[in-house]
Amino acid sequence: MKSIITLPATSQELAFDGEPSPVELDAIEREMPLIAAELDLLDVEIWMLNRSATVLDERRIRRARNRVLDERRTLTNRAALGQTGGAA
């Protein structure tokens, strides 16, 4: 059986080396606090799977959710500030 090989349409696709570009790395760096907050929330949720929730556990979950919301708000505000060119 013969395999069919498709060629990329542009030379830019040929140059792809599998590594993220500097722009993509900057975007990941900007989003890292949000990623860390989401991972912390996931850790708390996984930890709670096999046990009944106590008052302290509910507080832990609430804090993790609030941290995710705070980081999303911060990231959104930074993006909006960057698009409008800063505060007037």
C-alpha atoms as a PDB file:
ATOM      1  CA  MET A   1       0.000   0.000   0.000  1.00  0.00           C
ATOM      2  CA  LYS A   2       1.327   3.427  -0.929  1.00  0.00           C
ATOM      3  CA  SER A   3       1.156   6.286   1.552  1.00  0.00           C
ATOM      4  CA  ILE A   4      -0.008   9.675   0.446  1.00  0.00           C
ATOM      5  CA  ILE A   5       2.104  12.592   1.616  1.00  0.00           C
ATOM      6  CA  THR A   6       0.617  16.056   1.507  1.00  0.00           C
ATOM      7  CA  LEU A   7       2.843  19.058   1.165  1.00  0.00           C
ATOM      8  CA  PRO A   8       2.245  22.235   3.121  1.00  0.00           C
ATOM      9  CA  ALA A   9       0.673  25.084   1.204  1.00  0.00           C
ATOM     10  CA  THR A  10       3.111  27.748   2.405  1.00  0.00           C
ATOM     11  CA  SER A  11       6.762  27.974   3.252  1.00  0.00           C
ATOM     12  CA  GLN A  12       5.840  29.131   6.774  1.00  0.00           C
ATOM     13  CA  GLU A  13       4.375  25.697   7.472  1.00  0.00           C
ATOM     14  CA  LEU A  14       7.629  24.137   6.292  1.00  0.00           C
ATOM     15  CA  ALA A  15       9.582  26.195   8.831  1.00  0.00           C
ATOM     16  CA  PHE A  16       7.567  24.955  11.837  1.00  0.00           C
ATOM     17  CA  ASP A  17       9.969  23.195  14.189  1.00  0.00           C
ATOM     18  CA  GLY A  18       7.469  22.139  16.860  1.00  0.00           C
ATOM     19  CA  GLU A  19       8.561  24.777  19.365  1.00  0.00           C
ATOM     20  CA  PRO A  20       6.377  27.666  20.526  1.00  0.00           C
ATOM     21  CA  SER A  21       7.157  31.062  19.100  1.00  0.00           C
ATOM     22  CA  PRO A  22       8.298  33.935  21.322  1.00  0.00           C
ATOM     23  CA  VAL A  23       4.819  35.458  21.039  1.00  0.00           C
ATOM     24  CA  GLU A  24       3.224  32.222  22.233  1.00  0.00           C
ATOM     25  CA  LEU A  25       5.696  31.992  25.117  1.00  0.00           C
ATOM     26  CA  ASP A  26       4.834  35.557  26.151  1.00  0.00           C
ATOM     27  CA  ALA A  27       1.114  34.706  26.103  1.00  0.00           C
ATOM     28  CA  ILE A  28       1.737  31.646  28.285  1.00  0.00           C
ATOM     29  CA  GLU A  29       3.803  33.748  30.684  1.00  0.00           C
ATOM     30  CA  ARG A  30       0.984  36.319  30.962  1.00  0.00           C
ATOM     31  CA  GLU A  31      -1.567  33.572  31.642  1.00  0.00           C
ATOM     32  CA  MET A  32       0.606  31.630  34.106  1.00  0.00           C
ATOM     33  CA  PRO A  33      -1.055  33.017  37.292  1.00  0.00           C
ATOM     34  CA  LEU A  34      -4.447  31.912  35.957  1.00  0.00           C
ATOM     35  CA  ILE A  35      -3.087  28.498  34.994  1.00  0.00           C
ATOM     36  CA  ALA A  36      -1.618  28.058  38.491  1.00  0.00           C
ATOM     37  CA  ALA A  37      -4.913  29.090  40.119  1.00  0.00           C
ATOM     38  CA  GLU A  38      -6.865  26.620  37.967  1.00  0.00           C
ATOM     39  CA  LEU A  39      -4.410  23.851  38.872  1.00  0.00           C
ATOM     40  CA  ASP A  40      -4.822  24.633  42.569  1.00  0.00           C
ATOM     41  CA  LEU A  41      -8.607  24.461  42.201  1.00  0.00           C
ATOM     42  CA  LEU A  42      -8.291  21.143  40.385  1.00  0.00           C
ATOM     43  CA  ASP A  43      -6.057  19.790  43.163  1.00  0.00           C
ATOM     44  CA  VAL A  44      -8.634  20.740  45.795  1.00  0.00           C
ATOM     45  CA  GLU A  45     -11.472  19.197  43.781  1.00  0.00           C
ATOM     46  CA  ILE A  46      -9.535  15.954  43.275  1.00  0.00           C
ATOM     47  CA  TRP A  47      -8.612  15.863  46.947  1.00  0.00           C
ATOM     48  CA  MET A  48     -12.323  16.183  47.841  1.00  0.00           C
ATOM     49  CA  LEU A  49     -13.501  13.280  45.655  1.00  0.00           C
ATOM     50  CA  ASN A  50     -13.185  10.543  48.283  1.00  0.00           C
ATOM     51  CA  ARG A  51     -14.179  12.363  51.432  1.00  0.00           C
ATOM     52  CA  SER A  52     -17.088  14.259  52.854  1.00  0.00           C
ATOM     53  CA  ALA A  53     -16.704  18.018  52.933  1.00  0.00           C
ATOM     54  CA  THR A  54     -16.098  19.750  56.230  1.00  0.00           C
ATOM     55  CA  VAL A  55     -16.452  23.461  56.866  1.00  0.00           C
ATOM     56  CA  LEU A  56     -12.712  23.874  56.323  1.00  0.00           C
ATOM     57  CA  ASP A  57     -12.890  21.948  53.031  1.00  0.00           C
ATOM     58  CA  GLU A  58     -15.740  24.122  51.767  1.00  0.00           C
ATOM     59  CA  ARG A  59     -13.687  27.193  52.648  1.00  0.00           C
ATOM     60  CA  ARG A  60     -10.699  25.754  50.772  1.00  0.00           C
ATOM     61  CA  ILE A  61     -12.812  25.188  47.648  1.00  0.00           C
ATOM     62  CA  ARG A  62     -14.352  28.657  47.892  1.00  0.00           C
ATOM     63  CA  ARG A  63     -10.914  30.285  48.203  1.00  0.00           C
ATOM     64  CA  ALA A  64      -9.591  28.348  45.203  1.00  0.00           C
ATOM     65  CA  ARG A  65     -12.617  29.343  43.092  1.00  0.00           C
ATOM     66  CA  ASN A  66     -12.288  32.971  44.136  1.00  0.00           C
ATOM     67  CA  ARG A  67      -8.598  32.943  43.232  1.00  0.00           C
ATOM     68  CA  VAL A  68      -9.445  31.641  39.740  1.00  0.00           C
ATOM     69  CA  LEU A  69     -12.062  34.379  39.323  1.00  0.00           C
ATOM     70  CA  ASP A  70      -9.600  37.039  40.534  1.00  0.00           C
ATOM     71  CA  GLU A  71      -6.930  35.890  38.096  1.00  0.00           C
ATOM     72  CA  ARG A  72      -9.436  35.819  35.208  1.00  0.00           C
ATOM     73  CA  ARG A  73     -10.548  39.338  36.071  1.00  0.00           C
ATOM     74  CA  THR A  74      -6.958  40.553  36.254  1.00  0.00           C
ATOM     75  CA  LEU A  75      -6.062  38.943  32.925  1.00  0.00           C
ATOM     76  CA  THR A  76      -9.177  40.359  31.259  1.00  0.00           C
ATOM     77  CA  ASN A  77      -8.508  43.848  32.620  1.00  0.00           C
ATOM     78  CA  ARG A  78      -4.901  43.718  31.408  1.00  0.00           C
ATOM     79  CA  ALA A  79      -6.047  42.638  27.949  1.00  0.00           C
ATOM     80  CA  ALA A  80      -8.671  45.379  27.801  1.00  0.00           C
ATOM     81  CA  LEU A  81      -6.168  47.983  28.999  1.00  0.00           C
ATOM     82  CA  GLY A  82      -3.701  46.880  26.320  1.00  0.00           C
ATOM     83  CA  GLN A  83      -6.291  47.127  23.549  1.00  0.00           C
ATOM     84  CA  THR A  84      -7.497  50.624  24.438  1.00  0.00           C
ATOM     85  CA  GLY A  85      -3.999  51.988  24.840  1.00  0.00           C
ATOM     86  CA  GLY A  86      -4.118  52.623  28.568  1.00  0.00           C
ATOM     87  CA  ALA A  87      -6.161  54.635  30.985  1.00  0.00           C
ATOM     88  CA  ALA A  88      -7.297  58.091  29.948  1.00  0.00           C
END
